[in-house]
C-alpha atoms as a PDB file:
ATOM      1  CA  MET A   1       6.648  -6.603  72.791  1.00  0.00           C
ATOM      2  CA  PRO A   2       5.974  -3.778  70.119  1.00  0.00           C
ATOM      3  CA  SER A   3       2.997  -1.516  70.684  1.00  0.00           C
ATOM      4  CA  ALA A   4      -0.420  -2.029  68.996  1.00  0.00           C
ATOM      5  CA  THR A   5       0.277   0.606  66.684  1.00  0.00           C
ATOM      6  CA  THR A   6       3.447  -0.490  65.729  1.00  0.00           C
ATOM      7  CA  SER A   7       2.549  -4.337  65.545  1.00  0.00           C
ATOM      8  CA  LEU A   8       1.936  -6.069  62.160  1.00  0.00           C
ATOM      9  CA  SER A   9      -1.378  -8.133  61.314  1.00  0.00           C
ATOM     10  CA  PRO A  10      -0.373 -11.532  60.729  1.00  0.00           C
ATOM     11  CA  ALA A  11      -0.784 -11.107  56.869  1.00  0.00           C
ATOM     12  CA  ARG A  12       1.108  -8.114  56.908  1.00  0.00           C
ATOM     13  CA  THR A  13       3.732 -10.092  58.694  1.00  0.00           C
ATOM     14  CA  ALA A  14       3.270 -13.036  55.911  1.00  0.00           C
ATOM     15  CA  ARG A  15       3.700 -10.604  52.790  1.00  0.00           C
ATOM     16  CA  LEU A  16       6.811  -8.998  53.913  1.00  0.00           C
ATOM     17  CA  CYS A  17       8.533 -12.661  55.165  1.00  0.00           C
ATOM     18  CA  ARG A  18       7.365 -14.032  51.736  1.00  0.00           C
ATOM     19  CA  ALA A  19       9.098 -10.829  49.940  1.00  0.00           C
ATOM     20  CA  LEU A  20      11.894 -11.494  51.849  1.00  0.00           C
ATOM     21  CA  SER A  21      12.161 -15.109  51.675  1.00  0.00           C
ATOM     22  CA  ASP A  22      14.301 -15.110  48.258  1.00  0.00           C
ATOM     23  CA  GLU A  23      17.872 -15.225  48.472  1.00  0.00           C
ATOM     24  CA  ASN A  24      17.815 -12.721  45.338  1.00  0.00           C
ATOM     25  CA  ARG A  25      15.676 -10.537  47.027  1.00  0.00           C
ATOM     26  CA  LEU A  26      17.709 -10.533  50.428  1.00  0.00           C
ATOM     27  CA  ARG A  27      20.961  -9.403  48.239  1.00  0.00           C
ATOM     28  CA  ILE A  28      19.138  -6.608  46.696  1.00  0.00           C
ATOM     29  CA  VAL A  29      17.598  -5.460  50.325  1.00  0.00           C
ATOM     30  CA  GLU A  30      21.023  -5.817  51.458  1.00  0.00           C
ATOM     31  CA  MET A  31      22.751  -3.822  48.523  1.00  0.00           C
ATOM     32  CA  LEU A  32      20.255  -0.918  49.198  1.00  0.00           C
ATOM     33  CA  THR A  33      21.266  -0.842  53.037  1.00  0.00           C
ATOM     34  CA  GLY A  34      23.996   1.138  51.712  1.00  0.00           C
ATOM     35  CA  GLY A  35      21.545   3.596  50.176  1.00  0.00           C
ATOM     36  CA  GLU A  36      19.775   4.244  46.629  1.00  0.00           C
ATOM     37  CA  ARG A  37      20.883   2.253  44.067  1.00  0.00           C
ATOM     38  CA  CYS A  38      20.069   2.541  40.146  1.00  0.00           C
ATOM     39  CA  VAL A  39      18.802  -0.645  38.548  1.00  0.00           C
ATOM     40  CA  CYS A  40      22.051  -0.647  36.125  1.00  0.00           C
ATOM     41  CA  GLU A  41      24.136  -1.072  39.169  1.00  0.00           C
ATOM     42  CA  LEU A  42      22.062  -3.852  40.601  1.00  0.00           C
ATOM     43  CA  THR A  43      21.847  -5.807  37.682  1.00  0.00           C
ATOM     44  CA  ALA A  44      25.829  -5.754  37.208  1.00  0.00           C
ATOM     45  CA  ALA A  45      26.260  -6.400  40.925  1.00  0.00           C
ATOM     46  CA  LEU A  46      23.847  -9.217  41.385  1.00  0.00           C
ATOM     47  CA  ASP A  47      24.821 -10.728  37.934  1.00  0.00           C
ATOM     48  CA  LEU A  48      20.764 -11.428  37.265  1.00  0.00           C
ATOM     49  CA  GLY A  49      19.235 -10.593  34.116  1.00  0.00           C
ATOM     50  CA  GLN A  50      16.972  -8.040  33.553  1.00  0.00           C
ATOM     51  CA  SER A  51      13.726  -9.815  33.666  1.00  0.00           C
ATOM     52  CA  LEU A  52      14.435 -11.606  36.794  1.00  0.00           C
ATOM     53  CA  LEU A  53      15.972  -8.268  38.416  1.00  0.00           C
ATOM     54  CA  SER A  54      12.631  -6.888  37.576  1.00  0.00           C
ATOM     55  CA  HIS A  55      10.635  -9.353  39.022  1.00  0.00           C
ATOM     56  CA  HIS A  56      12.318  -9.560  42.175  1.00  0.00           C
ATOM     57  CA  LEU A  57      12.066  -5.214  42.318  1.00  0.00           C
ATOM     58  CA  LYS A  58       8.442  -5.652  41.742  1.00  0.00           C
ATOM     59  CA  THR A  59       8.018  -8.205  44.351  1.00  0.00           C
ATOM     60  CA  LEU A  60       9.645  -6.248  46.779  1.00  0.00           C
ATOM     61  CA  LYS A  61       8.105  -2.974  45.581  1.00  0.00           C
ATOM     62  CA  ASP A  62       4.489  -4.604  46.011  1.00  0.00           C
ATOM     63  CA  ALA A  63       5.582  -5.619  49.271  1.00  0.00           C
ATOM     64  CA  GLY A  64       6.300  -2.074  50.541  1.00  0.00           C
ATOM     65  CA  LEU A  65      10.149  -2.584  51.014  1.00  0.00           C
ATOM     66  CA  VAL A  66      11.578  -0.434  48.257  1.00  0.00           C
ATOM     67  CA  THR A  67      10.387   2.605  46.588  1.00  0.00           C
ATOM     68  CA  ASP A  68      11.610   4.245  42.978  1.00  0.00           C
ATOM     69  CA  ARG A  69      11.855   7.268  41.214  1.00  0.00           C
ATOM     70  CA  ARG A  70      13.089   7.693  37.628  1.00  0.00           C
ATOM     71  CA  GLU A  71      15.237  10.159  36.408  1.00  0.00           C
ATOM     72  CA  GLY A  72      15.571  10.333  32.509  1.00  0.00           C
ATOM     73  CA  ARG A  73      15.955   6.405  31.457  1.00  0.00           C
ATOM     74  CA  TRP A  74      16.790   5.237  34.517  1.00  0.00           C
ATOM     75  CA  VAL A  75      14.952   4.145  37.640  1.00  0.00           C
ATOM     76  CA  TYR A  76      16.776   4.342  41.125  1.00  0.00           C
ATOM     77  CA  TYR A  77      15.710   2.051  44.134  1.00  0.00           C
ATOM     78  CA  THR A  78      15.633   3.163  47.858  1.00  0.00           C
ATOM     79  CA  LEU A  79      15.169   0.783  50.884  1.00  0.00           C
ATOM     80  CA  CYS A  80      12.026   1.386  52.857  1.00  0.00           C
ATOM     81  CA  CYS A  81      13.018   0.901  56.666  1.00  0.00           C
ATOM     82  CA  ASP A  82      10.165   1.418  58.434  1.00  0.00           C
ATOM     83  CA  PRO A  83       8.336  -1.704  57.213  1.00  0.00           C
ATOM     84  CA  LEU A  84      11.794  -3.877  58.128  1.00  0.00           C
ATOM     85  CA  ASP A  85      11.803  -2.162  61.716  1.00  0.00           C
ATOM     86  CA  THR A  86       8.092  -2.799  62.253  1.00  0.00           C
ATOM     87  CA  LEU A  87       8.573  -6.274  61.193  1.00  0.00           C
ATOM     88  CA  ALA A  88      11.563  -7.058  63.289  1.00  0.00           C
ATOM     89  CA  GLU A  89       9.767  -5.709  66.479  1.00  0.00           C
ATOM     90  CA  THR A  90       6.835  -8.161  65.476  1.00  0.00           C
ATOM     91  CA  LEU A  91       8.934 -10.916  64.931  1.00  0.00           C
ATOM     92  CA  GLN A  92      10.494 -10.145  67.873  1.00  0.00           C
ATOM     93  CA  SER A  93       7.362 -10.437  69.872  1.00  0.00           C
ATOM     94  CA  VAL A  94       6.545 -14.009  69.180  1.00  0.00           C
ATOM     95  CA  ARG A  95       9.623 -15.070  71.019  1.00  0.00           C
ATOM     96  CA  PRO A  96       8.774 -17.831  73.902  1.00  0.00           C
ATOM     97  CA  VAL A  97       8.598 -15.963  77.347  1.00  0.00           C
ATOM     98  CA  ASP A  98       9.518 -17.793  80.435  1.00  0.00           C
ATOM     99  CA  ASP A  99       6.238 -17.493  82.448  1.00  0.00           C
ATOM    100  CA  PRO A 100       6.632 -18.892  86.105  1.00  0.00           C
ATOM    101  CA  SER A 101       2.803 -18.559  86.754  1.00  0.00           C
ATOM    102  CA  ARG A 102       2.305 -21.001  84.231  1.00  0.00           C
ATOM    103  CA  SER A 103       1.822 -23.879  86.164  1.00  0.00           C
ATOM    104  CA  ASP A 104      -0.596 -26.710  84.382  1.00  0.00           C
ATOM    105  CA  GLY A 105       2.893 -28.065  82.809  1.00  0.00           C
ATOM    106  CA  CYS A 106       1.233 -27.880  79.380  1.00  0.00           C
ATOM    107  CA  CYS A 107       4.169 -28.175  76.436  1.00  0.00           C
ATOM    108  CA  ARG A 108       7.231 -28.772  79.142  1.00  0.00           C
END
């Protein structure tokens, strides 16, 4: 179970899950696990239009899952691992726990 300092609020958990709830955004996250990527690399690899890719990257950035940096006319994106790690811990904590002390028979 995550500690109180790493557990996410339900609102933050929902925001991260919404940001990850799109197949294209999951593909972007997967690509970024290999390290920083230029937007031109993402565009070519994902076969998405510039406008659609920008929308997905903005959603991930607004959720705190990616950061960007500009170098000349290019923008490079990097995955932020801390929110993903904390989300994983939070989701792990919502698993059902077998509680032998529970004898009321509710929901069994």
